[in-house]
Protein backbone atom coordinates (compact mmCIF):
# COMPACT_ATOMS: atom_id res chain seq x y z
CA UNK A 1 119.71 110.16 118.44
CA UNK A 2 120.48 112.64 121.21
CA UNK A 3 117.61 114.09 123.16
CA UNK A 4 116.65 117.60 121.93
CA UNK A 5 117.71 118.94 125.34
CA UNK A 6 121.29 118.38 124.19
CA UNK A 7 120.73 121.24 121.78
CA UNK A 8 119.77 123.79 124.42
CA UNK A 9 123.27 125.05 125.23
CA UNK A 10 124.57 124.98 121.65
CA UNK A 11 125.26 128.05 119.56
CA UNK A 12 126.36 127.54 115.97
CA UNK A 13 128.25 130.36 114.30
CA UNK A 14 127.51 131.16 110.68
CA UNK A 15 130.01 133.22 108.72
CA UNK A 16 128.05 136.22 107.46
CA UNK A 17 130.49 137.70 104.97
CA UNK A 18 128.50 136.51 101.96
CA UNK A 19 126.13 133.76 100.85
CA UNK A 20 122.98 132.20 102.24
CA UNK A 21 123.83 132.48 105.93
CA UNK A 22 120.24 133.39 106.83
CA UNK A 23 119.03 130.13 105.28
CA UNK A 24 121.47 128.14 107.41
CA UNK A 25 120.15 129.95 110.48
CA UNK A 26 116.62 128.98 109.45
CA UNK A 27 117.62 125.30 109.09
CA UNK A 28 119.17 125.33 112.55
CA UNK A 29 116.13 127.11 113.96
CA UNK A 30 113.93 124.30 112.65
CA UNK A 31 115.91 122.00 114.93
CA UNK A 32 115.59 124.33 117.92
CA UNK A 33 119.27 125.28 117.78
CA UNK A 34 120.53 128.81 118.33
CA UNK A 35 122.80 130.43 115.77
CA UNK A 36 124.97 133.52 115.75
CA UNK A 37 126.25 135.39 112.73
CA UNK A 38 130.02 135.78 112.74
CA UNK A 39 131.29 139.13 111.59
CA UNK A 40 134.22 139.61 113.99
CA UNK A 41 136.88 137.62 115.79
CA UNK A 42 135.01 138.20 119.05
CA UNK A 43 132.00 136.32 117.69
CA UNK A 44 134.10 133.17 117.28
CA UNK A 45 134.58 132.91 121.04
CA UNK A 46 130.81 132.60 121.51
CA UNK A 47 130.12 129.55 119.33
CA UNK A 48 130.43 125.75 119.52
CA UNK A 49 130.85 125.16 115.78
CA UNK A 50 131.02 127.09 112.51
CA UNK A 51 129.18 126.95 109.20
CA UNK A 52 130.83 128.41 106.08
CA UNK A 53 128.00 129.05 103.61
CA UNK A 54 128.05 129.14 99.85
CA UNK A 55 128.85 132.28 97.91
CA UNK A 56 131.84 133.10 95.74
CA UNK A 57 135.18 131.82 97.04
CA UNK A 58 137.34 134.68 95.77
CA UNK A 59 134.96 137.26 97.26
CA UNK A 60 134.72 135.33 100.52
CA UNK A 61 138.51 135.22 100.78
CA UNK A 62 138.76 138.96 100.17
CA UNK A 63 136.08 139.79 102.73
CA UNK A 64 137.57 137.51 105.40
CA UNK A 65 141.00 139.05 104.94
CA UNK A 66 139.76 142.65 104.74
CA UNK A 67 137.75 142.19 107.96
CA UNK A 68 140.72 140.64 109.75
CA UNK A 69 138.85 137.37 110.14
CA UNK A 70 140.93 134.91 108.13
CA UNK A 71 143.61 134.28 110.77
CA UNK A 72 141.21 134.17 113.78
CA UNK A 73 138.94 131.77 111.90
CA UNK A 74 141.89 129.59 110.88
CA UNK A 75 142.94 129.42 114.53
CA UNK A 76 139.40 128.65 115.73
CA UNK A 77 139.04 125.83 113.20
CA UNK A 78 141.91 123.98 114.86
CA UNK A 79 139.33 122.86 117.43
CA UNK A 80 135.82 123.92 116.34
CA UNK A 81 133.70 121.59 114.18
CA UNK A 82 132.92 123.12 110.80
CA UNK A 83 130.44 122.54 107.98
CA UNK A 84 131.20 124.07 104.58
CA UNK A 85 128.73 124.20 101.70
CA UNK A 86 129.67 124.95 98.08
CA UNK A 87 132.14 127.87 98.28
CA UNK A 88 132.55 127.15 102.00
CA UNK A 89 133.68 123.65 101.04
CA UNK A 90 136.26 125.11 98.65
CA UNK A 91 137.75 127.22 101.44
CA UNK A 92 138.03 124.18 103.73
CA UNK A 93 139.84 121.98 101.21
CA UNK A 94 143.44 122.05 100.02
CA UNK A 95 144.77 125.23 98.43
CA UNK A 96 143.51 125.51 94.85
CA UNK A 97 145.41 126.86 91.86
CA UNK A 98 144.11 130.39 92.24
CA UNK A 99 146.03 132.95 94.33
CA UNK A 100 142.83 134.91 94.92
CA UNK A 101 141.41 132.05 97.02
CA UNK A 102 142.97 131.38 100.42
CA UNK A 103 142.07 127.90 101.70
CA UNK A 104 142.09 126.69 105.31
CA UNK A 105 143.17 123.13 104.36
CA UNK A 106 141.07 121.45 107.05
CA UNK A 107 140.03 118.45 104.94
CA UNK A 108 142.23 116.34 102.67
CA UNK A 109 140.57 117.04 99.32
CA UNK A 110 141.10 119.21 96.26
CA UNK A 111 138.22 121.15 94.76
CA UNK A 112 137.42 122.30 91.23
CA UNK A 113 135.32 125.45 91.21
CA UNK A 114 132.11 125.75 89.15
CA UNK A 115 132.72 122.21 87.89
CA UNK A 116 129.04 121.59 87.10
CA UNK A 117 128.71 124.71 84.97
CA UNK A 118 127.39 128.24 85.26
CA UNK A 119 124.46 129.57 87.28
CA UNK A 120 122.01 128.82 84.46
CA UNK A 121 123.12 125.18 84.56
CA UNK A 122 122.11 124.74 88.20
CA UNK A 123 120.04 121.64 88.89
CA UNK A 124 118.33 119.59 91.60
CA UNK A 125 118.52 115.86 92.22
CA UNK A 126 117.55 113.28 94.84
CA UNK A 127 120.53 111.97 96.78
CA UNK A 128 120.53 108.70 98.69
CA UNK A 129 122.74 108.94 101.79
CA UNK A 130 121.98 106.02 104.13
CA UNK A 131 124.77 106.93 106.56
CA UNK A 132 123.15 110.34 107.08
CA UNK A 133 119.38 110.15 106.46
CA UNK A 134 116.62 107.56 106.29
CA UNK A 135 115.14 109.31 103.24
CA UNK A 136 116.29 110.77 99.94
CA UNK A 137 117.56 114.34 100.11
CA UNK A 138 116.46 116.93 97.55
CA UNK A 139 119.85 118.49 96.74
CA UNK A 140 120.29 121.82 94.95
CA UNK A 141 123.53 122.34 92.98
CA UNK A 142 124.41 125.94 92.05
CA UNK A 143 127.80 126.54 90.38
CA UNK A 144 128.90 123.62 92.50
CA UNK A 145 132.48 122.44 92.97
CA UNK A 146 133.71 118.90 92.42
CA UNK A 147 135.94 117.09 94.88
CA UNK A 148 139.09 115.37 93.58
CA UNK A 149 142.18 113.58 94.91
CA UNK A 150 140.35 112.70 98.09
CA UNK A 151 142.65 111.58 100.90
CA UNK A 152 142.42 108.15 102.57
CA UNK A 153 141.16 109.61 105.84
CA UNK A 154 138.10 111.18 104.23
CA UNK A 155 134.70 109.43 104.36
CA UNK A 156 132.17 109.68 101.54
CA UNK A 157 128.61 110.36 102.71
CA UNK A 158 126.84 111.09 99.41
CA UNK A 159 127.46 110.59 95.70
CA UNK A 160 125.91 111.95 92.52
CA UNK A 161 126.69 109.59 89.67
CA UNK A 162 130.43 109.00 89.88
CA UNK A 163 131.05 112.16 91.91
CA UNK A 164 131.43 112.32 95.66
CA UNK A 165 129.39 115.31 96.81
CA UNK A 166 129.43 115.17 100.62
CA UNK A 167 132.53 114.28 102.63
CA UNK A 168 133.61 114.07 106.26
CA UNK A 169 137.00 113.99 107.94
CA UNK A 170 137.24 114.28 111.71
CA UNK A 171 135.11 117.25 112.75
CA UNK A 172 134.90 118.70 109.23
CA UNK A 173 131.89 118.21 106.93
CA UNK A 174 131.67 119.55 103.37
CA UNK A 175 128.97 119.43 100.69
CA UNK A 176 129.16 120.60 97.09
CA UNK A 177 125.41 121.39 97.13
CA UNK A 178 123.21 123.72 99.21
CA UNK A 179 121.28 121.84 101.93
CA UNK A 180 120.15 125.12 103.46
CA UNK A 181 118.02 125.96 100.42
CA UNK A 182 115.50 123.20 101.18
CA UNK A 183 113.00 122.72 104.01
CA UNK A 184 114.82 119.52 105.05
CA UNK A 185 117.12 120.14 108.03
CA UNK A 186 118.35 116.54 108.08
CA UNK A 187 121.92 117.26 107.03
CA UNK A 188 122.21 120.06 109.58
CA UNK A 189 120.91 117.59 112.19
CA UNK A 190 123.57 115.08 111.13
CA UNK A 191 126.26 117.77 111.54
CA UNK A 192 125.00 118.57 115.04
CA UNK A 193 124.43 114.98 116.22
CA UNK A 194 127.38 113.19 114.67
CA UNK A 195 130.04 115.90 114.62
CA UNK A 196 129.32 118.82 116.95
CA UNK A 197 127.99 116.89 119.95
CA UNK A 198 130.49 114.07 119.55
CA UNK A 199 133.34 116.59 119.47
CA UNK A 200 132.47 118.05 122.87
């Protein structure tokens, strides 16, 4: 594991259009890592990586486009590492069959929105992910997407039953659940150690 001093000059950008961006900032803060909310194209020039939080993918698309952020973010993601959770994961996958959602297509996977049911059908479960953590992770699924037609270059990091729920390709990490809603910053640490720092 890298020495914590490696974190000192990092700033992780968190898209603050919608969703639990403050919770992601809290998870990073637990690791001693600075974060910056992204609300303009200028903010993107100040960060070493990006987190796309959960929310509602159609609303997130609309807000990104209305604020003039979709194209600058798409350009920045050509080089910046990115972590997408729930709706953020949908935006990073291949274009879905909904013209209201504009996807960045940064990871070779298709997503099915709200595949686990409505808000009232949200659930928690313990995930075993030995490539990521040395302990079970208490995962929270809220209107979570499912990942389908996963490309050969994509690595599976966590499964729930027969479903693959956390994936990695290059410097892109996606999860169908909400790691920021727990007190366990282990997945954020994995993103920093194994993707952000190794991409520098």
